Amino acid sequence: MLRRLALAVAVLLTLVPAAHGANYLRLGFDDDRLKWMARPNADVAVQRELGAPFTRITIPWRRDDADPLSRAANWLAGSQLPHEPLSVVSCALRTAIREPADHEMERHVSVLFDRIEKTCPRLFRGQTAVTEPLGSGWSRNYPGLDARLEASAERVILHRYRAGIYLDLGRLGDWEREGAGAPAPCR
């Protein structure tokens, strides 16, 4: 009986697909010592050498605190716990010289993103953001909407990441014509 069970478990384990890992290394710290270091360059240099794109410092949430203000805030917040872990990400910055063509493309995409925001007021609720590079494309992050506007491979998508929704807003080239018809998600 035990042999049959072991054989069944072995067969099941061979049928389970393997997990896929990230294509880069993530380093996490369970303390915030980097926050207190005057010059964390040595730690950051080691992380870069290992290929880490960022440093994550997790700060634990404590509902009850000693001071009256925290107790009042916790009381007002109610008993609902956050549905996701809270963390802070700190990125090491370095200066980079940008090409003039890159500046021009950012300006061009910013004009188109502005046009999209104005054409789709129900989606963006009057919010605007800074245009940033995103891989080979461009993006704008809207923390108040839990969304990111992405332009990549000539497509424009509004990614409502907390809801897991992708709204196709058409081709980037279609937004170059002022007064062009709004796509369905904007109506």
N, C-alpha and C. Protein backbone atom coordinates (compact mmCIF):
# COMPACT_ATOMS: atom_id res chain seq x y z
N MET A 1 0.82 -1.19 0.00
CA MET A 1 0.00 0.00 0.00
C MET A 1 0.87 1.26 0.00
N LEU A 2 1.90 1.28 0.83
CA LEU A 2 2.80 2.42 0.93
C LEU A 2 3.57 2.62 -0.37
N ARG A 3 3.94 1.52 -1.03
CA ARG A 3 4.64 1.62 -2.32
C ARG A 3 3.74 2.23 -3.38
N ARG A 4 2.46 1.86 -3.39
CA ARG A 4 1.52 2.42 -4.37
C ARG A 4 1.34 3.92 -4.14
N LEU A 5 1.25 4.31 -2.88
CA LEU A 5 1.11 5.73 -2.54
C LEU A 5 2.35 6.51 -2.97
N ALA A 6 3.52 5.96 -2.71
CA ALA A 6 4.77 6.62 -3.11
C ALA A 6 4.85 6.72 -4.62
N LEU A 7 4.44 5.68 -5.32
CA LEU A 7 4.46 5.71 -6.79
C LEU A 7 3.47 6.75 -7.32
N ALA A 8 2.29 6.83 -6.72
CA ALA A 8 1.29 7.81 -7.15
C ALA A 8 1.80 9.23 -6.94
N VAL A 9 2.44 9.48 -5.78
CA VAL A 9 2.99 10.81 -5.51
C VAL A 9 4.09 11.14 -6.50
N ALA A 10 4.96 10.18 -6.80
CA ALA A 10 6.05 10.40 -7.75
C ALA A 10 5.49 10.72 -9.14
N VAL A 11 4.46 10.03 -9.57
CA VAL A 11 3.84 10.29 -10.88
C VAL A 11 3.22 11.67 -10.89
N LEU A 12 2.52 12.04 -9.83
CA LEU A 12 1.90 13.36 -9.77
C LEU A 12 2.94 14.47 -9.79
N LEU A 13 4.04 14.28 -9.09
CA LEU A 13 5.09 15.30 -9.08
C LEU A 13 5.72 15.49 -10.45
N THR A 14 5.79 14.46 -11.24
CA THR A 14 6.36 14.62 -12.58
C THR A 14 5.39 15.33 -13.52
N LEU A 15 4.10 15.31 -13.21
CA LEU A 15 3.11 15.96 -14.06
C LEU A 15 2.92 17.44 -13.73
N VAL A 16 3.37 17.88 -12.55
CA VAL A 16 3.21 19.28 -12.15
C VAL A 16 4.20 20.13 -12.93
N PRO A 17 3.71 21.20 -13.58
CA PRO A 17 4.64 22.05 -14.35
C PRO A 17 5.60 22.80 -13.43
N ALA A 18 6.76 23.10 -13.95
CA ALA A 18 7.77 23.83 -13.18
C ALA A 18 7.39 25.30 -13.10
N ALA A 19 7.76 25.93 -12.01
CA ALA A 19 7.52 27.36 -11.83
C ALA A 19 8.53 28.15 -12.63
N HIS A 20 8.11 29.30 -13.11
CA HIS A 20 9.00 30.16 -13.88
C HIS A 20 9.50 31.27 -12.98
N GLY A 21 10.79 31.52 -12.99
CA GLY A 21 11.38 32.56 -12.18
C GLY A 21 11.49 33.86 -12.94
N ALA A 22 11.77 34.93 -12.22
CA ALA A 22 11.97 36.23 -12.84
C ALA A 22 13.28 36.22 -13.62
N ASN A 23 13.39 37.10 -14.59
CA ASN A 23 14.59 37.15 -15.40
C ASN A 23 15.65 38.06 -14.79
N TYR A 24 15.48 38.45 -13.55
CA TYR A 24 16.48 39.25 -12.86
C TYR A 24 16.43 38.91 -11.37
N LEU A 25 17.47 39.28 -10.69
CA LEU A 25 17.60 38.98 -9.28
C LEU A 25 16.96 40.07 -8.44
N ARG A 26 16.19 39.69 -7.45
CA ARG A 26 15.59 40.65 -6.53
C ARG A 26 16.22 40.44 -5.15
N LEU A 27 16.70 41.51 -4.59
CA LEU A 27 17.25 41.46 -3.24
C LEU A 27 16.29 42.14 -2.30
N GLY A 28 15.94 41.48 -1.22
CA GLY A 28 15.06 42.09 -0.24
C GLY A 28 15.74 42.16 1.11
N PHE A 29 15.46 43.19 1.86
CA PHE A 29 16.02 43.38 3.19
C PHE A 29 14.87 43.42 4.17
N ASP A 30 15.05 42.74 5.32
CA ASP A 30 13.99 42.77 6.32
C ASP A 30 14.27 43.81 7.39
N ASP A 31 15.26 44.65 7.19
CA ASP A 31 15.49 45.78 8.08
C ASP A 31 15.67 47.03 7.22
N ASP A 32 15.66 48.16 7.84
CA ASP A 32 15.78 49.40 7.08
C ASP A 32 17.12 50.08 7.35
N ARG A 33 18.18 49.28 7.42
CA ARG A 33 19.50 49.84 7.74
C ARG A 33 19.98 50.79 6.66
N LEU A 34 19.61 50.55 5.40
CA LEU A 34 20.05 51.45 4.33
C LEU A 34 19.48 52.85 4.53
N LYS A 35 18.31 52.93 5.14
CA LYS A 35 17.68 54.23 5.36
C LYS A 35 18.50 55.09 6.32
N TRP A 36 19.22 54.44 7.23
CA TRP A 36 19.97 55.18 8.23
C TRP A 36 21.44 55.36 7.85
N MET A 37 21.87 54.77 6.76
CA MET A 37 23.27 54.89 6.36
C MET A 37 23.49 56.22 5.64
N ALA A 38 24.56 56.92 6.00
CA ALA A 38 24.86 58.19 5.34
C ALA A 38 25.31 57.95 3.90
N ARG A 39 26.04 56.87 3.66
CA ARG A 39 26.54 56.55 2.32
C ARG A 39 26.37 55.05 2.07
N PRO A 40 25.22 54.64 1.55
CA PRO A 40 25.01 53.21 1.29
C PRO A 40 25.63 52.75 -0.03
N ASN A 41 26.59 53.51 -0.57
CA ASN A 41 27.14 53.20 -1.88
C ASN A 41 27.73 51.80 -1.97
N ALA A 42 28.42 51.34 -0.91
CA ALA A 42 29.03 50.02 -0.96
C ALA A 42 27.96 48.93 -1.10
N ASP A 43 26.87 49.05 -0.34
CA ASP A 43 25.79 48.07 -0.44
C ASP A 43 25.13 48.11 -1.82
N VAL A 44 24.90 49.31 -2.32
CA VAL A 44 24.27 49.47 -3.63
C VAL A 44 25.20 48.91 -4.72
N ALA A 45 26.50 49.12 -4.59
CA ALA A 45 27.45 48.62 -5.57
C ALA A 45 27.43 47.09 -5.62
N VAL A 46 27.35 46.45 -4.47
CA VAL A 46 27.27 44.98 -4.43
C VAL A 46 25.99 44.52 -5.11
N GLN A 47 24.89 45.21 -4.85
CA GLN A 47 23.62 44.83 -5.45
C GLN A 47 23.67 44.98 -6.97
N ARG A 48 24.26 46.06 -7.44
CA ARG A 48 24.39 46.26 -8.89
C ARG A 48 25.25 45.18 -9.51
N GLU A 49 26.34 44.82 -8.80
CA GLU A 49 27.24 43.79 -9.31
C GLU A 49 26.51 42.46 -9.45
N LEU A 50 25.56 42.21 -8.55
CA LEU A 50 24.77 40.99 -8.61
C LEU A 50 23.64 41.08 -9.63
N GLY A 51 23.43 42.26 -10.20
CA GLY A 51 22.37 42.44 -11.20
C GLY A 51 21.02 42.80 -10.62
N ALA A 52 20.97 43.28 -9.39
CA ALA A 52 19.71 43.65 -8.76
C ALA A 52 19.23 44.99 -9.29
N PRO A 53 17.99 45.09 -9.83
CA PRO A 53 17.50 46.35 -10.35
C PRO A 53 16.98 47.30 -9.27
N PHE A 54 16.74 46.81 -8.05
CA PHE A 54 16.23 47.66 -7.00
C PHE A 54 16.51 47.02 -5.65
N THR A 55 16.30 47.78 -4.62
CA THR A 55 16.41 47.29 -3.25
C THR A 55 15.04 47.44 -2.60
N ARG A 56 14.56 46.39 -2.00
CA ARG A 56 13.25 46.42 -1.36
C ARG A 56 13.43 46.37 0.15
N ILE A 57 12.83 47.30 0.82
CA ILE A 57 12.89 47.36 2.27
C ILE A 57 11.47 47.22 2.78
N THR A 58 11.18 46.15 3.48
CA THR A 58 9.83 45.93 4.00
C THR A 58 9.71 46.55 5.37
N ILE A 59 8.68 47.33 5.55
CA ILE A 59 8.42 47.97 6.84
C ILE A 59 7.15 47.34 7.40
N PRO A 60 7.26 46.62 8.51
CA PRO A 60 6.07 45.95 9.04
C PRO A 60 5.04 46.94 9.56
N TRP A 61 3.79 46.62 9.35
CA TRP A 61 2.68 47.46 9.81
C TRP A 61 2.26 46.98 11.19
N ARG A 62 2.18 47.90 12.12
CA ARG A 62 1.73 47.58 13.47
C ARG A 62 0.45 48.36 13.73
N ARG A 63 -0.62 47.65 14.01
CA ARG A 63 -1.91 48.30 14.23
C ARG A 63 -1.92 49.09 15.53
N ASP A 64 -1.42 48.55 16.60
CA ASP A 64 -1.45 49.22 17.89
C ASP A 64 -0.12 49.90 18.15
N ASP A 65 -0.18 51.16 18.52
CA ASP A 65 1.04 51.89 18.81
C ASP A 65 0.87 52.59 20.15
N ALA A 66 1.94 53.11 20.67
CA ALA A 66 1.92 53.67 22.01
C ALA A 66 1.31 55.08 22.07
N ASP A 67 1.40 55.83 20.99
CA ASP A 67 0.94 57.22 21.07
C ASP A 67 -0.55 57.34 20.76
N PRO A 68 -1.21 58.35 21.32
CA PRO A 68 -2.66 58.52 21.14
C PRO A 68 -3.07 58.76 19.69
N LEU A 69 -2.25 59.47 18.92
CA LEU A 69 -2.60 59.74 17.53
C LEU A 69 -2.68 58.45 16.72
N SER A 70 -1.72 57.55 16.91
CA SER A 70 -1.75 56.27 16.20
C SER A 70 -2.94 55.44 16.62
N ARG A 71 -3.26 55.43 17.91
CA ARG A 71 -4.43 54.68 18.37
C ARG A 71 -5.71 55.23 17.75
N ALA A 72 -5.80 56.56 17.65
CA ALA A 72 -6.98 57.18 17.03
C ALA A 72 -7.06 56.83 15.55
N ALA A 73 -5.92 56.87 14.87
CA ALA A 73 -5.91 56.52 13.44
C ALA A 73 -6.29 55.07 13.23
N ASN A 74 -5.79 54.17 14.07
CA ASN A 74 -6.14 52.75 13.96
C ASN A 74 -7.62 52.54 14.24
N TRP A 75 -8.18 53.27 15.21
CA TRP A 75 -9.58 53.15 15.51
C TRP A 75 -10.42 53.62 14.32
N LEU A 76 -10.03 54.75 13.70
CA LEU A 76 -10.76 55.26 12.53
C LEU A 76 -10.64 54.33 11.33
N ALA A 77 -9.49 53.66 11.21
CA ALA A 77 -9.28 52.76 10.08
C ALA A 77 -10.15 51.51 10.18
N GLY A 78 -10.60 51.18 11.37
CA GLY A 78 -11.43 50.00 11.55
C GLY A 78 -10.57 48.74 11.61
N SER A 79 -11.23 47.62 11.51
CA SER A 79 -10.53 46.35 11.67
C SER A 79 -10.05 45.77 10.34
N GLN A 80 -10.33 46.44 9.25
CA GLN A 80 -9.95 45.90 7.94
C GLN A 80 -8.42 45.98 7.77
N LEU A 81 -7.82 44.83 7.54
CA LEU A 81 -6.38 44.77 7.31
C LEU A 81 -6.10 45.00 5.84
N PRO A 82 -4.90 45.50 5.50
CA PRO A 82 -4.56 45.66 4.09
C PRO A 82 -4.60 44.32 3.38
N HIS A 83 -5.09 44.30 2.14
CA HIS A 83 -5.21 43.05 1.40
C HIS A 83 -3.94 42.70 0.64
N GLU A 84 -2.92 43.49 0.78
CA GLU A 84 -1.64 43.17 0.15
C GLU A 84 -0.52 43.64 1.05
N PRO A 85 0.64 43.02 0.94
CA PRO A 85 1.74 43.46 1.80
C PRO A 85 2.19 44.87 1.45
N LEU A 86 2.58 45.62 2.46
CA LEU A 86 3.07 46.97 2.26
C LEU A 86 4.59 46.92 2.17
N SER A 87 5.15 47.63 1.21
CA SER A 87 6.60 47.68 1.10
C SER A 87 7.00 48.99 0.45
N VAL A 88 8.26 49.32 0.62
CA VAL A 88 8.82 50.52 0.04
C VAL A 88 9.96 50.10 -0.87
N VAL A 89 10.02 50.66 -2.06
CA VAL A 89 11.09 50.32 -2.98
C VAL A 89 11.96 51.55 -3.17
N SER A 90 13.25 51.35 -3.03
CA SER A 90 14.21 52.43 -3.21
C SER A 90 15.10 52.09 -4.38
N CYS A 91 15.20 52.99 -5.33
CA CYS A 91 16.02 52.73 -6.51
C CYS A 91 17.26 53.61 -6.47
N ALA A 92 18.37 53.02 -6.80
CA ALA A 92 19.60 53.79 -6.91
C ALA A 92 19.58 54.55 -8.23
N LEU A 93 19.81 55.84 -8.19
CA LEU A 93 19.77 56.66 -9.39
C LEU A 93 21.17 56.99 -9.85
N ARG A 94 21.32 57.11 -11.13
CA ARG A 94 22.60 57.55 -11.69
C ARG A 94 22.30 58.48 -12.85
N THR A 95 23.20 59.39 -13.10
CA THR A 95 22.98 60.33 -14.19
C THR A 95 23.14 59.62 -15.52
N ALA A 96 22.37 60.05 -16.46
CA ALA A 96 22.43 59.47 -17.80
C ALA A 96 22.28 60.60 -18.81
N ILE A 97 23.06 60.54 -19.84
CA ILE A 97 22.97 61.53 -20.92
C ILE A 97 21.99 60.99 -21.95
N ARG A 98 20.96 61.78 -22.21
CA ARG A 98 19.92 61.34 -23.15
C ARG A 98 20.18 61.94 -24.52
N GLU A 99 19.81 61.19 -25.51
CA GLU A 99 19.93 61.63 -26.89
C GLU A 99 18.85 62.68 -27.19
N PRO A 100 19.15 63.66 -28.04
CA PRO A 100 18.14 64.65 -28.42
C PRO A 100 16.89 64.02 -29.03
N ALA A 101 17.08 62.93 -29.80
CA ALA A 101 15.92 62.26 -30.41
C ALA A 101 15.01 61.67 -29.33
N ASP A 102 15.60 61.21 -28.23
CA ASP A 102 14.83 60.66 -27.13
C ASP A 102 13.98 61.75 -26.47
N HIS A 103 14.57 62.93 -26.29
CA HIS A 103 13.82 64.07 -25.74
C HIS A 103 12.65 64.43 -26.65
N GLU A 104 12.90 64.45 -27.94
CA GLU A 104 11.85 64.81 -28.90
C GLU A 104 10.73 63.76 -28.89
N MET A 105 11.09 62.49 -28.81
CA MET A 105 10.07 61.43 -28.78
C MET A 105 9.25 61.52 -27.49
N GLU A 106 9.90 61.82 -26.37
CA GLU A 106 9.17 61.97 -25.11
C GLU A 106 8.18 63.14 -25.20
N ARG A 107 8.62 64.26 -25.79
CA ARG A 107 7.74 65.41 -25.96
C ARG A 107 6.54 65.05 -26.83
N HIS A 108 6.80 64.33 -27.94
CA HIS A 108 5.75 63.93 -28.87
C HIS A 108 4.73 63.00 -28.17
N VAL A 109 5.23 62.00 -27.46
CA VAL A 109 4.34 61.06 -26.77
C VAL A 109 3.58 61.77 -25.65
N SER A 110 4.21 62.74 -24.98
CA SER A 110 3.52 63.50 -23.92
C SER A 110 2.34 64.27 -24.48
N VAL A 111 2.51 64.85 -25.67
CA VAL A 111 1.40 65.56 -26.32
C VAL A 111 0.25 64.59 -26.61
N LEU A 112 0.59 63.39 -27.09
CA LEU A 112 -0.45 62.40 -27.39
C LEU A 112 -1.12 61.90 -26.11
N PHE A 113 -0.34 61.67 -25.05
CA PHE A 113 -0.93 61.25 -23.77
C PHE A 113 -1.84 62.33 -23.22
N ASP A 114 -1.45 63.61 -23.35
CA ASP A 114 -2.31 64.71 -22.92
C ASP A 114 -3.64 64.67 -23.67
N ARG A 115 -3.56 64.43 -24.98
CA ARG A 115 -4.76 64.35 -25.81
C ARG A 115 -5.65 63.19 -25.37
N ILE A 116 -5.05 62.05 -25.04
CA ILE A 116 -5.81 60.88 -24.59
C ILE A 116 -6.52 61.21 -23.27
N GLU A 117 -5.81 61.85 -22.34
CA GLU A 117 -6.42 62.20 -21.06
C GLU A 117 -7.61 63.14 -21.23
N LYS A 118 -7.48 64.10 -22.15
CA LYS A 118 -8.58 65.05 -22.37
C LYS A 118 -9.75 64.40 -23.10
N THR A 119 -9.46 63.45 -23.99
CA THR A 119 -10.50 62.79 -24.76
C THR A 119 -11.26 61.77 -23.92
N CYS A 120 -10.63 61.24 -22.90
CA CYS A 120 -11.23 60.18 -22.08
C CYS A 120 -11.38 60.62 -20.62
N PRO A 121 -12.20 61.65 -20.34
CA PRO A 121 -12.29 62.16 -18.97
C PRO A 121 -12.87 61.16 -17.98
N ARG A 122 -13.73 60.25 -18.45
CA ARG A 122 -14.29 59.25 -17.54
C ARG A 122 -13.23 58.29 -17.04
N LEU A 123 -12.25 57.99 -17.89
CA LEU A 123 -11.19 57.05 -17.50
C LEU A 123 -10.15 57.69 -16.58
N PHE A 124 -9.79 58.95 -16.86
CA PHE A 124 -8.68 59.57 -16.15
C PHE A 124 -9.11 60.51 -15.02
N ARG A 125 -10.39 60.89 -14.99
CA ARG A 125 -10.96 61.71 -13.92
C ARG A 125 -10.13 62.96 -13.64
N GLY A 126 -9.65 63.59 -14.70
CA GLY A 126 -8.91 64.83 -14.57
C GLY A 126 -7.46 64.69 -14.12
N GLN A 127 -7.00 63.47 -13.94
CA GLN A 127 -5.62 63.27 -13.50
C GLN A 127 -4.67 63.29 -14.68
N THR A 128 -3.45 63.71 -14.42
CA THR A 128 -2.38 63.68 -15.41
C THR A 128 -1.13 63.20 -14.71
N ALA A 129 -0.10 62.86 -15.47
CA ALA A 129 1.11 62.31 -14.88
C ALA A 129 2.31 62.63 -15.77
N VAL A 130 3.47 62.26 -15.30
CA VAL A 130 4.72 62.48 -16.03
C VAL A 130 4.93 61.32 -17.00
N THR A 131 5.37 61.62 -18.20
CA THR A 131 5.68 60.59 -19.18
C THR A 131 7.06 60.03 -18.90
N GLU A 132 7.15 58.70 -18.83
CA GLU A 132 8.40 58.03 -18.52
C GLU A 132 8.65 56.90 -19.50
N PRO A 133 9.92 56.56 -19.74
CA PRO A 133 10.22 55.40 -20.58
C PRO A 133 9.75 54.11 -19.91
N LEU A 134 9.27 53.19 -20.70
CA LEU A 134 8.85 51.87 -20.21
C LEU A 134 9.34 50.83 -21.21
N GLY A 135 10.50 50.26 -20.96
CA GLY A 135 11.08 49.32 -21.91
C GLY A 135 11.34 50.04 -23.22
N SER A 136 10.77 49.54 -24.29
CA SER A 136 10.92 50.20 -25.59
C SER A 136 9.78 51.16 -25.87
N GLY A 137 8.90 51.37 -24.90
CA GLY A 137 7.76 52.27 -25.08
C GLY A 137 7.76 53.38 -24.04
N TRP A 138 6.55 53.89 -23.74
CA TRP A 138 6.39 55.01 -22.82
C TRP A 138 5.21 54.74 -21.91
N SER A 139 5.19 55.41 -20.76
CA SER A 139 4.08 55.20 -19.82
C SER A 139 3.84 56.44 -18.98
N ARG A 140 2.66 56.46 -18.37
CA ARG A 140 2.30 57.42 -17.33
C ARG A 140 1.62 56.62 -16.23
N ASN A 141 2.04 56.84 -14.99
CA ASN A 141 1.44 56.14 -13.84
C ASN A 141 0.47 57.06 -13.13
N TYR A 142 -0.68 56.50 -12.76
CA TYR A 142 -1.74 57.23 -12.06
C TYR A 142 -2.02 56.50 -10.74
N PRO A 143 -1.29 56.84 -9.67
CA PRO A 143 -1.50 56.14 -8.40
C PRO A 143 -2.93 56.25 -7.87
N GLY A 144 -3.58 57.39 -8.09
CA GLY A 144 -4.94 57.57 -7.62
C GLY A 144 -5.96 56.70 -8.35
N LEU A 145 -5.59 56.23 -9.52
CA LEU A 145 -6.48 55.37 -10.31
C LEU A 145 -6.05 53.92 -10.28
N ASP A 146 -4.90 53.64 -9.67
CA ASP A 146 -4.29 52.31 -9.74
C ASP A 146 -4.18 51.87 -11.19
N ALA A 147 -3.62 52.75 -12.02
CA ALA A 147 -3.56 52.49 -13.45
C ALA A 147 -2.28 53.04 -14.05
N ARG A 148 -1.95 52.50 -15.22
CA ARG A 148 -0.80 52.98 -15.98
C ARG A 148 -1.19 53.04 -17.45
N LEU A 149 -0.93 54.18 -18.08
CA LEU A 149 -1.13 54.35 -19.51
C LEU A 149 0.16 53.91 -20.19
N GLU A 150 0.07 52.98 -21.12
CA GLU A 150 1.24 52.40 -21.76
C GLU A 150 1.13 52.55 -23.28
N ALA A 151 2.23 52.97 -23.88
CA ALA A 151 2.33 53.01 -25.34
C ALA A 151 3.52 52.16 -25.72
N SER A 152 3.24 51.06 -26.37
CA SER A 152 4.30 50.13 -26.77
C SER A 152 3.87 49.42 -28.04
N ALA A 153 4.82 49.26 -28.95
CA ALA A 153 4.55 48.59 -30.22
C ALA A 153 3.35 49.22 -30.93
N GLU A 154 3.30 50.55 -30.90
CA GLU A 154 2.26 51.34 -31.57
C GLU A 154 0.86 51.15 -31.00
N ARG A 155 0.70 50.46 -29.88
CA ARG A 155 -0.61 50.32 -29.24
C ARG A 155 -0.63 51.16 -27.97
N VAL A 156 -1.80 51.66 -27.61
CA VAL A 156 -1.98 52.41 -26.37
C VAL A 156 -2.96 51.62 -25.51
N ILE A 157 -2.54 51.35 -24.27
CA ILE A 157 -3.34 50.54 -23.36
C ILE A 157 -3.40 51.24 -22.01
N LEU A 158 -4.58 51.26 -21.41
CA LEU A 158 -4.71 51.70 -20.03
C LEU A 158 -4.80 50.43 -19.19
N HIS A 159 -3.78 50.22 -18.37
CA HIS A 159 -3.70 49.02 -17.55
C HIS A 159 -4.17 49.35 -16.14
N ARG A 160 -5.36 48.87 -15.79
CA ARG A 160 -5.88 49.02 -14.41
C ARG A 160 -5.35 47.83 -13.62
N TYR A 161 -4.14 47.96 -13.09
CA TYR A 161 -3.40 46.81 -12.58
C TYR A 161 -4.02 46.17 -11.35
N ARG A 162 -4.68 46.91 -10.48
CA ARG A 162 -5.28 46.28 -9.30
C ARG A 162 -6.52 45.49 -9.68
N ALA A 163 -7.20 45.91 -10.73
CA ALA A 163 -8.39 45.20 -11.18
C ALA A 163 -8.05 44.15 -12.23
N GLY A 164 -6.82 44.17 -12.75
CA GLY A 164 -6.43 43.20 -13.78
C GLY A 164 -7.11 43.46 -15.11
N ILE A 165 -7.38 44.74 -15.43
CA ILE A 165 -8.10 45.10 -16.65
C ILE A 165 -7.16 45.84 -17.60
N TYR A 166 -7.21 45.48 -18.88
CA TYR A 166 -6.46 46.17 -19.93
C TYR A 166 -7.46 46.78 -20.89
N LEU A 167 -7.45 48.11 -21.01
CA LEU A 167 -8.35 48.79 -21.94
C LEU A 167 -7.55 49.22 -23.17
N ASP A 168 -7.91 48.69 -24.33
CA ASP A 168 -7.22 49.03 -25.57
C ASP A 168 -7.74 50.38 -26.06
N LEU A 169 -6.83 51.35 -26.15
CA LEU A 169 -7.21 52.69 -26.60
C LEU A 169 -6.77 52.96 -28.04
N GLY A 170 -6.43 51.93 -28.76
CA GLY A 170 -6.13 52.07 -30.18
C GLY A 170 -4.64 52.20 -30.47
N ARG A 171 -4.37 52.63 -31.70
CA ARG A 171 -2.99 52.83 -32.15
C ARG A 171 -2.51 54.22 -31.75
N LEU A 172 -1.23 54.32 -31.44
CA LEU A 172 -0.65 55.61 -31.08
C LEU A 172 -0.78 56.59 -32.24
N GLY A 173 -0.62 56.10 -33.46
CA GLY A 173 -0.74 56.95 -34.64
C GLY A 173 -2.13 57.54 -34.82
N ASP A 174 -3.16 56.82 -34.36
CA ASP A 174 -4.54 57.33 -34.47
C ASP A 174 -4.75 58.58 -33.60
N TRP A 175 -3.97 58.73 -32.53
CA TRP A 175 -4.10 59.86 -31.63
C TRP A 175 -3.37 61.10 -32.15
N GLU A 176 -2.61 60.95 -33.24
CA GLU A 176 -1.87 62.10 -33.79
C GLU A 176 -2.80 63.07 -34.51
N ARG A 177 -3.91 62.56 -35.01
CA ARG A 177 -4.89 63.43 -35.67
C ARG A 177 -5.80 64.05 -34.62
N GLU A 178 -5.72 65.36 -34.51
CA GLU A 178 -6.57 66.05 -33.55
C GLU A 178 -8.02 65.94 -33.99
N GLY A 179 -8.90 65.66 -33.05
CA GLY A 179 -10.31 65.54 -33.37
C GLY A 179 -10.70 64.15 -33.87
N ALA A 180 -9.77 63.20 -33.80
CA ALA A 180 -10.09 61.83 -34.21
C ALA A 180 -11.11 61.26 -33.24
N GLY A 181 -11.94 60.34 -33.72
CA GLY A 181 -12.98 59.75 -32.88
C GLY A 181 -12.40 59.00 -31.69
N ALA A 182 -13.10 59.08 -30.58
CA ALA A 182 -12.66 58.41 -29.36
C ALA A 182 -12.96 56.90 -29.45
N PRO A 183 -12.03 56.07 -28.98
CA PRO A 183 -12.30 54.63 -28.97
C PRO A 183 -13.40 54.28 -27.97
N ALA A 184 -13.94 53.08 -28.07
CA ALA A 184 -15.07 52.65 -27.24
C ALA A 184 -14.85 52.84 -25.73
N PRO A 185 -13.70 52.51 -25.17
CA PRO A 185 -13.57 52.69 -23.71
C PRO A 185 -13.68 54.15 -23.26
N CYS A 186 -13.51 55.11 -24.17
CA CYS A 186 -13.57 56.52 -23.81
C CYS A 186 -14.97 57.10 -23.90
N ARG A 187 -15.88 56.37 -24.49
CA ARG A 187 -17.23 56.91 -24.67
C ARG A 187 -18.11 56.67 -23.48
